[in-house]
Protein backbone atom coordinates (compact mmCIF):
# COMPACT_ATOMS: atom_id res chain seq x y z
CA MET A 1 99.24 113.73 109.60
CA SER A 2 96.48 115.74 108.90
CA ILE A 3 92.52 114.89 109.36
CA ILE A 4 92.06 114.05 105.76
CA ASN A 5 95.17 111.69 105.18
CA TRP A 6 94.43 109.64 109.07
CA ILE A 7 90.90 109.28 106.92
CA MET A 8 91.76 108.28 103.50
CA GLU A 9 93.97 105.89 105.71
CA LYS A 10 90.95 104.58 107.18
CA LEU A 11 88.98 103.96 104.49
CA THR A 12 91.45 102.55 101.76
CA GLY A 13 92.21 100.08 104.77
CA GLY A 14 95.58 101.71 106.05
CA GLY A 15 97.49 99.96 102.99
CA GLY A 16 99.70 102.49 100.81
CA VAL A 17 100.33 103.41 97.29
CA PRO A 18 103.70 101.55 96.14
CA ALA A 19 106.41 104.71 94.58
CA GLY A 20 106.37 104.43 90.72
CA ALA A 21 102.41 103.16 90.44
CA THR A 22 100.29 104.83 87.82
CA PRO A 23 97.67 107.01 88.22
CA GLU A 24 95.39 104.49 87.60
CA GLU A 25 97.21 102.05 89.53
CA GLN A 26 96.78 104.70 92.55
CA MET A 27 92.95 104.43 91.97
CA ILE A 28 92.94 100.88 92.60
CA TYR A 29 94.57 100.97 95.70
CA ARG A 30 92.53 103.92 97.02
CA ASN A 31 89.87 102.31 95.85
CA ILE A 32 90.01 98.14 96.98
CA GLN A 33 88.66 98.68 99.73
CA ALA A 34 84.90 99.42 98.51
CA ILE A 35 85.70 97.22 95.10
CA GLY A 36 85.89 94.00 97.49
CA LEU A 37 83.01 95.67 99.38
CA HIS A 38 80.49 95.46 96.60
CA HIS A 39 81.28 92.48 95.43
CA PHE A 40 81.24 90.96 99.06
CA PRO A 41 78.60 92.32 100.79
CA ASP A 42 79.15 89.36 103.35
CA ASP A 43 82.65 90.16 104.32
CA GLU A 44 82.10 93.57 104.79
CA GLY A 45 85.55 92.76 107.50
CA ALA A 46 88.30 91.42 105.39
CA LYS A 47 91.19 93.82 104.20
CA TRP A 48 91.60 93.74 100.76
CA ASN A 49 95.46 93.70 99.71
CA ILE A 50 97.15 93.47 96.38
CA ASP A 51 99.38 91.56 95.71
CA SER A 52 99.92 92.83 91.84
CA ILE A 53 98.12 94.87 89.47
CA ASN A 54 98.65 94.34 85.45
CA TYR A 55 97.34 95.87 82.41
CA GLU A 56 96.57 93.58 79.78
CA ASN A 57 93.88 93.11 76.77
CA GLY A 58 92.71 96.37 77.66
CA MET A 59 92.05 95.32 81.58
CA TYR A 60 93.19 95.92 84.70
CA VAL A 61 93.88 92.32 86.08
CA VAL A 62 94.22 92.68 90.03
CA ASP A 63 95.30 90.02 92.20
CA THR A 64 94.46 90.59 95.86
CA SER A 65 94.85 88.48 99.18
CA PRO A 66 91.59 89.30 101.39
CA VAL A 67 91.96 89.03 104.93
CA PRO A 68 90.20 86.56 106.21
CA HIS A 69 89.70 85.07 103.20
CA VAL A 70 86.09 85.60 101.38
CA GLY A 71 85.81 81.79 101.15
CA TYR A 72 89.09 81.94 98.86
CA GLU A 73 92.68 82.32 99.45
CA LYS A 74 92.84 85.03 96.08
CA ILE A 75 90.49 86.83 94.19
CA ARG A 76 92.00 88.36 90.75
CA PHE A 77 89.76 91.34 89.59
CA TYR A 78 89.09 91.70 86.17
CA MET A 79 88.72 95.81 85.60
CA ARG A 80 87.44 97.57 82.46
CA ASN A 81 88.41 101.25 84.67
CA THR A 82 89.19 102.13 87.74
CA SER A 83 85.98 102.18 89.75
CA VAL A 84 84.21 100.25 91.82
CA ASP A 85 81.85 99.62 89.09
CA GLY A 86 84.52 99.10 86.91
CA VAL A 87 85.08 95.49 87.47
CA ALA A 88 83.65 93.06 84.78
CA SER A 89 84.43 89.80 86.18
CA ALA A 90 86.03 87.91 88.61
CA ASP A 91 88.30 84.69 89.44
CA CYS A 92 88.56 82.83 92.63
CA TRP A 93 91.89 80.87 93.39
CA GLU A 94 91.35 77.22 93.46
CA ASN A 95 93.49 73.96 93.56
CA GLY A 96 96.07 75.45 92.46
CA GLU A 97 94.12 78.07 89.53
CA TRP A 98 92.24 80.33 88.72
CA SER A 99 88.67 79.81 87.91
CA GLY A 100 86.16 81.92 86.63
CA LEU A 101 84.02 82.85 89.53
CA PHE A 102 81.17 85.96 88.52
CA SER A 103 81.39 88.11 85.68
CA SER A 104 78.66 91.81 85.40
């Protein structure tokens, strides 16, 4: 493994990008740790695991399961684009359903 690959693995939490992911999905996988930390700065030790990525109504809908959880077991990010600042809003999984958490 090259030093660059090792650094990228550490920065992204070591999560792999699934085969067949689009370039946009690959970027979300690479950015998910920074996205999670940006929106949940008090939970800097959380590893953000992506459960699914869908593209709906012009937004990337990214379901995550942070470990340890950040007050909620699952967070759903609605993203305008694949950057850290691309998050438009987020929902949390609570009592068996998605509930609005924040919007920017």
